Amino acid sequence: MGVNERTGQYHVEINGLTAPQSPEATRICKEDLNEVSARRLLNLPQYWRV
């Protein structure tokens, strides 16, 4: 995993996964990743609690 310092984008590689082969699969993957990112950001306050 890495972070692009200029854009703030994360880069994650998972061994064994392949790129989506159709536009529909690409769209679904992007939507799912956006949902995961949004849920993570919404739950950040729980990680800051001591």
PDB file of N, CA and C in Angstrom:
ATOM      1  N   MET A   1       0.850  -1.167   0.000  1.00  0.00           N
ATOM      2  CA  MET A   1       0.000   0.000   0.000  1.00  0.00           C
ATOM      3  C   MET A   1       0.895   1.227   0.000  1.00  0.00           C
ATOM      4  N   GLY A   2       0.458   2.230  -0.716  1.00  0.00           N
ATOM      5  CA  GLY A   2       1.211   3.468  -0.765  1.00  0.00           C
ATOM      6  C   GLY A   2       0.280   4.653  -0.926  1.00  0.00           C
ATOM      7  N   VAL A   3       0.824   5.839  -0.693  1.00  0.00           N
ATOM      8  CA  VAL A   3       0.052   7.064  -0.832  1.00  0.00           C
ATOM      9  C   VAL A   3       0.798   7.994  -1.782  1.00  0.00           C
ATOM     10  N   ASN A   4       0.079   8.535  -2.752  1.00  0.00           N
ATOM     11  CA  ASN A   4       0.643   9.531  -3.648  1.00  0.00           C
ATOM     12  C   ASN A   4       0.622  10.856  -2.897  1.00  0.00           C
ATOM     13  N   GLU A   5       1.792  11.359  -2.541  1.00  0.00           N
ATOM     14  CA  GLU A   5       1.895  12.586  -1.744  1.00  0.00           C
ATOM     15  C   GLU A   5       1.268  13.790  -2.441  1.00  0.00           C
ATOM     16  N   ARG A   6       1.366  13.840  -3.755  1.00  0.00           N
ATOM     17  CA  ARG A   6       0.854  14.980  -4.507  1.00  0.00           C
ATOM     18  C   ARG A   6      -0.671  15.002  -4.547  1.00  0.00           C
ATOM     19  N   THR A   7      -1.296  13.832  -4.772  1.00  0.00           N
ATOM     20  CA  THR A   7      -2.753  13.787  -4.930  1.00  0.00           C
ATOM     21  C   THR A   7      -3.480  13.290  -3.692  1.00  0.00           C
ATOM     22  N   GLY A   8      -2.764  12.618  -2.786  1.00  0.00           N
ATOM     23  CA  GLY A   8      -3.405  12.054  -1.606  1.00  0.00           C
ATOM     24  C   GLY A   8      -4.112  10.735  -1.877  1.00  0.00           C
ATOM     25  N   GLN A   9      -3.950  10.200  -3.079  1.00  0.00           N
ATOM     26  CA  GLN A   9      -4.599   8.945  -3.424  1.00  0.00           C
ATOM     27  C   GLN A   9      -3.832   7.764  -2.852  1.00  0.00           C
ATOM     28  N   TYR A  10      -4.590   6.740  -2.435  1.00  0.00           N
ATOM     29  CA  TYR A  10      -4.003   5.499  -1.942  1.00  0.00           C
ATOM     30  C   TYR A  10      -3.857   4.517  -3.091  1.00  0.00           C
ATOM     31  N   HIS A  11      -2.823   3.708  -3.012  1.00  0.00           N
ATOM     32  CA  HIS A  11      -2.592   2.653  -3.994  1.00  0.00           C
ATOM     33  C   HIS A  11      -2.460   1.355  -3.209  1.00  0.00           C
ATOM     34  N   VAL A  12      -3.376   0.425  -3.481  1.00  0.00           N
ATOM     35  CA  VAL A  12      -3.376  -0.853  -2.767  1.00  0.00           C
ATOM     36  C   VAL A  12      -3.293  -1.974  -3.790  1.00  0.00           C
ATOM     37  N   GLU A  13      -2.422  -2.930  -3.549  1.00  0.00           N
ATOM     38  CA  GLU A  13      -2.325  -4.110  -4.393  1.00  0.00           C
ATOM     39  C   GLU A  13      -2.626  -5.331  -3.555  1.00  0.00           C
ATOM     40  N   ILE A  14      -3.483  -6.194  -4.087  1.00  0.00           N
ATOM     41  CA  ILE A  14      -3.819  -7.440  -3.403  1.00  0.00           C
ATOM     42  C   ILE A  14      -3.407  -8.571  -4.322  1.00  0.00           C
ATOM     43  N   ASN A  15      -2.502  -9.406  -3.848  1.00  0.00           N
ATOM     44  CA  ASN A  15      -1.963 -10.497  -4.645  1.00  0.00           C
ATOM     45  C   ASN A  15      -3.089 -11.427  -5.103  1.00  0.00           C
ATOM     46  N   GLY A  16      -3.115 -11.747  -6.390  1.00  0.00           N
ATOM     47  CA  GLY A  16      -4.088 -12.688  -6.921  1.00  0.00           C
ATOM     48  C   GLY A  16      -5.307 -12.039  -7.563  1.00  0.00           C
ATOM     49  N   LEU A  17      -5.508 -10.746  -7.352  1.00  0.00           N
ATOM     50  CA  LEU A  17      -6.639 -10.074  -7.979  1.00  0.00           C
ATOM     51  C   LEU A  17      -6.253  -9.595  -9.367  1.00  0.00           C
ATOM     52  N   THR A  18      -7.230  -9.568 -10.245  1.00  0.00           N
ATOM     53  CA  THR A  18      -6.993  -9.058 -11.591  1.00  0.00           C
ATOM     54  C   THR A  18      -7.877  -7.847 -11.834  1.00  0.00           C
ATOM     55  N   ALA A  19      -7.528  -7.070 -12.816  1.00  0.00           N
ATOM     56  CA  ALA A  19      -8.312  -5.886 -13.170  1.00  0.00           C
ATOM     57  C   ALA A  19      -9.648  -6.324 -13.765  1.00  0.00           C
ATOM     58  N   PRO A  20     -10.696  -5.557 -13.537  1.00  0.00           N
ATOM     59  CA  PRO A  20     -11.996  -5.880 -14.135  1.00  0.00           C
ATOM     60  C   PRO A  20     -11.884  -5.925 -15.662  1.00  0.00           C
ATOM     61  N   GLN A  21     -12.616  -6.841 -16.277  1.00  0.00           N
ATOM     62  CA  GLN A  21     -12.502  -7.056 -17.717  1.00  0.00           C
ATOM     63  C   GLN A  21     -13.602  -6.381 -18.536  1.00  0.00           C
ATOM     64  N   SER A  22     -14.589  -5.776 -17.870  1.00  0.00           N
ATOM     65  CA  SER A  22     -15.660  -5.119 -18.615  1.00  0.00           C
ATOM     66  C   SER A  22     -15.958  -3.756 -17.986  1.00  0.00           C
ATOM     67  N   PRO A  23     -16.571  -2.871 -18.746  1.00  0.00           N
ATOM     68  CA  PRO A  23     -16.938  -1.560 -18.192  1.00  0.00           C
ATOM     69  C   PRO A  23     -17.882  -1.688 -16.990  1.00  0.00           C
ATOM     70  N   GLU A  24     -18.803  -2.641 -17.047  1.00  0.00           N
ATOM     71  CA  GLU A  24     -19.746  -2.850 -15.938  1.00  0.00           C
ATOM     72  C   GLU A  24     -19.001  -3.292 -14.674  1.00  0.00           C
ATOM     73  N   ALA A  25     -18.061  -4.221 -14.830  1.00  0.00           N
ATOM     74  CA  ALA A  25     -17.278  -4.687 -13.682  1.00  0.00           C
ATOM     75  C   ALA A  25     -16.435  -3.548 -13.110  1.00  0.00           C
ATOM     76  N   THR A  26     -15.878  -2.711 -13.975  1.00  0.00           N
ATOM     77  CA  THR A  26     -15.094  -1.556 -13.534  1.00  0.00           C
ATOM     78  C   THR A  26     -15.962  -0.600 -12.725  1.00  0.00           C
ATOM     79  N   ARG A  27     -17.163  -0.336 -13.219  1.00  0.00           N
ATOM     80  CA  ARG A  27     -18.089   0.559 -12.513  1.00  0.00           C
ATOM     81  C   ARG A  27     -18.439   0.006 -11.135  1.00  0.00           C
ATOM     82  N   ILE A  28     -18.742  -1.279 -11.066  1.00  0.00           N
ATOM     83  CA  ILE A  28     -19.109  -1.901  -9.790  1.00  0.00           C
ATOM     84  C   ILE A  28     -17.944  -1.824  -8.801  1.00  0.00           C
ATOM     85  N   CYS A  29     -16.737  -2.106  -9.268  1.00  0.00           N
ATOM     86  CA  CYS A  29     -15.569  -2.038  -8.388  1.00  0.00           C
ATOM     87  C   CYS A  29     -15.349  -0.626  -7.861  1.00  0.00           C
ATOM     88  N   LYS A  30     -15.468   0.375  -8.728  1.00  0.00           N
ATOM     89  CA  LYS A  30     -15.291   1.761  -8.295  1.00  0.00           C
ATOM     90  C   LYS A  30     -16.332   2.151  -7.260  1.00  0.00           C
ATOM     91  N   GLU A  31     -17.592   1.765  -7.496  1.00  0.00           N
ATOM     92  CA  GLU A  31     -18.654   2.099  -6.545  1.00  0.00           C
ATOM     93  C   GLU A  31     -18.417   1.421  -5.193  1.00  0.00           C
ATOM     94  N   ASP A  32     -18.011   0.152  -5.232  1.00  0.00           N
ATOM     95  CA  ASP A  32     -17.750  -0.569  -3.992  1.00  0.00           C
ATOM     96  C   ASP A  32     -16.583   0.055  -3.230  1.00  0.00           C
ATOM     97  N   LEU A  33     -15.521   0.411  -3.931  1.00  0.00           N
ATOM     98  CA  LEU A  33     -14.367   1.026  -3.268  1.00  0.00           C
ATOM     99  C   LEU A  33     -14.724   2.394  -2.695  1.00  0.00           C
ATOM    100  N   ASN A  34     -15.543   3.152  -3.418  1.00  0.00           N
ATOM    101  CA  ASN A  34     -15.987   4.444  -2.899  1.00  0.00           C
ATOM    102  C   ASN A  34     -16.813   4.263  -1.632  1.00  0.00           C
ATOM    103  N   GLU A  35     -17.654   3.236  -1.610  1.00  0.00           N
ATOM    104  CA  GLU A  35     -18.468   2.969  -0.423  1.00  0.00           C
ATOM    105  C   GLU A  35     -17.596   2.569   0.770  1.00  0.00           C
ATOM    106  N   VAL A  36     -16.609   1.727   0.527  1.00  0.00           N
ATOM    107  CA  VAL A  36     -15.699   1.321   1.602  1.00  0.00           C
ATOM    108  C   VAL A  36     -14.955   2.537   2.148  1.00  0.00           C
ATOM    109  N   SER A  37     -14.467   3.400   1.255  1.00  0.00           N
ATOM    110  CA  SER A  37     -13.748   4.601   1.686  1.00  0.00           C
ATOM    111  C   SER A  37     -14.649   5.526   2.495  1.00  0.00           C
ATOM    112  N   ALA A  38     -15.871   5.717   2.040  1.00  0.00           N
ATOM    113  CA  ALA A  38     -16.803   6.598   2.744  1.00  0.00           C
ATOM    114  C   ALA A  38     -17.131   6.046   4.132  1.00  0.00           C
ATOM    115  N   ARG A  39     -17.369   4.754   4.220  1.00  0.00           N
ATOM    116  CA  ARG A  39     -17.664   4.155   5.535  1.00  0.00           C
ATOM    117  C   ARG A  39     -16.480   4.304   6.484  1.00  0.00           C
ATOM    118  N   ARG A  40     -15.296   4.143   5.947  1.00  0.00           N
ATOM    119  CA  ARG A  40     -14.089   4.292   6.778  1.00  0.00           C
ATOM    120  C   ARG A  40     -13.989   5.717   7.312  1.00  0.00           C
ATOM    121  N   LEU A  41     -14.229   6.700   6.451  1.00  0.00           N
ATOM    122  CA  LEU A  41     -14.155   8.095   6.886  1.00  0.00           C
ATOM    123  C   LEU A  41     -15.246   8.422   7.895  1.00  0.00           C
ATOM    124  N   LEU A  42     -16.426   7.864   7.717  1.00  0.00           N
ATOM    125  CA  LEU A  42     -17.516   8.119   8.654  1.00  0.00           C
ATOM    126  C   LEU A  42     -17.243   7.514  10.016  1.00  0.00           C
ATOM    127  N   ASN A  43     -16.434   6.469  10.068  1.00  0.00           N
ATOM    128  CA  ASN A  43     -16.139   5.787  11.326  1.00  0.00           C
ATOM    129  C   ASN A  43     -14.847   6.254  11.980  1.00  0.00           C
ATOM    130  N   LEU A  44     -14.167   7.240  11.406  1.00  0.00           N
ATOM    131  CA  LEU A  44     -12.897   7.696  11.978  1.00  0.00           C
ATOM    132  C   LEU A  44     -13.007   8.141  13.433  1.00  0.00           C
ATOM    133  N   PRO A  45     -14.054   8.865  13.845  1.00  0.00           N
ATOM    134  CA  PRO A  45     -14.106   9.301  15.252  1.00  0.00           C
ATOM    135  C   PRO A  45     -13.995   8.150  16.247  1.00  0.00           C
ATOM    136  N   GLN A  46     -14.484   6.980  15.908  1.00  0.00           N
ATOM    137  CA  GLN A  46     -14.389   5.864  16.849  1.00  0.00           C
ATOM    138  C   GLN A  46     -12.938   5.430  17.056  1.00  0.00           C
ATOM    139  N   TYR A  47     -12.068   5.670  16.074  1.00  0.00           N
ATOM    140  CA  TYR A  47     -10.666   5.316  16.210  1.00  0.00           C
ATOM    141  C   TYR A  47      -9.898   6.358  17.043  1.00  0.00           C
ATOM    142  N   TRP A  48     -10.437   7.552  17.137  1.00  0.00           N
ATOM    143  CA  TRP A  48      -9.760   8.600  17.892  1.00  0.00           C
ATOM    144  C   TRP A  48     -10.069   8.536  19.372  1.00  0.00           C
ATOM    145  N   ARG A  49     -11.093   7.796  19.751  1.00  0.00           N
ATOM    146  CA  ARG A  49     -11.437   7.686  21.175  1.00  0.00           C
ATOM    147  C   ARG A  49     -10.364   6.931  21.929  1.00  0.00           C
ATOM    148  N   VAL A  50     -10.148   7.359  23.151  1.00  0.00           N
ATOM    149  CA  VAL A  50      -9.112   6.689  23.962  1.00  0.00           C
ATOM    150  C   VAL A  50      -9.760   5.737  24.914  1.00  0.00           C
TER     151      VAL A  50
END
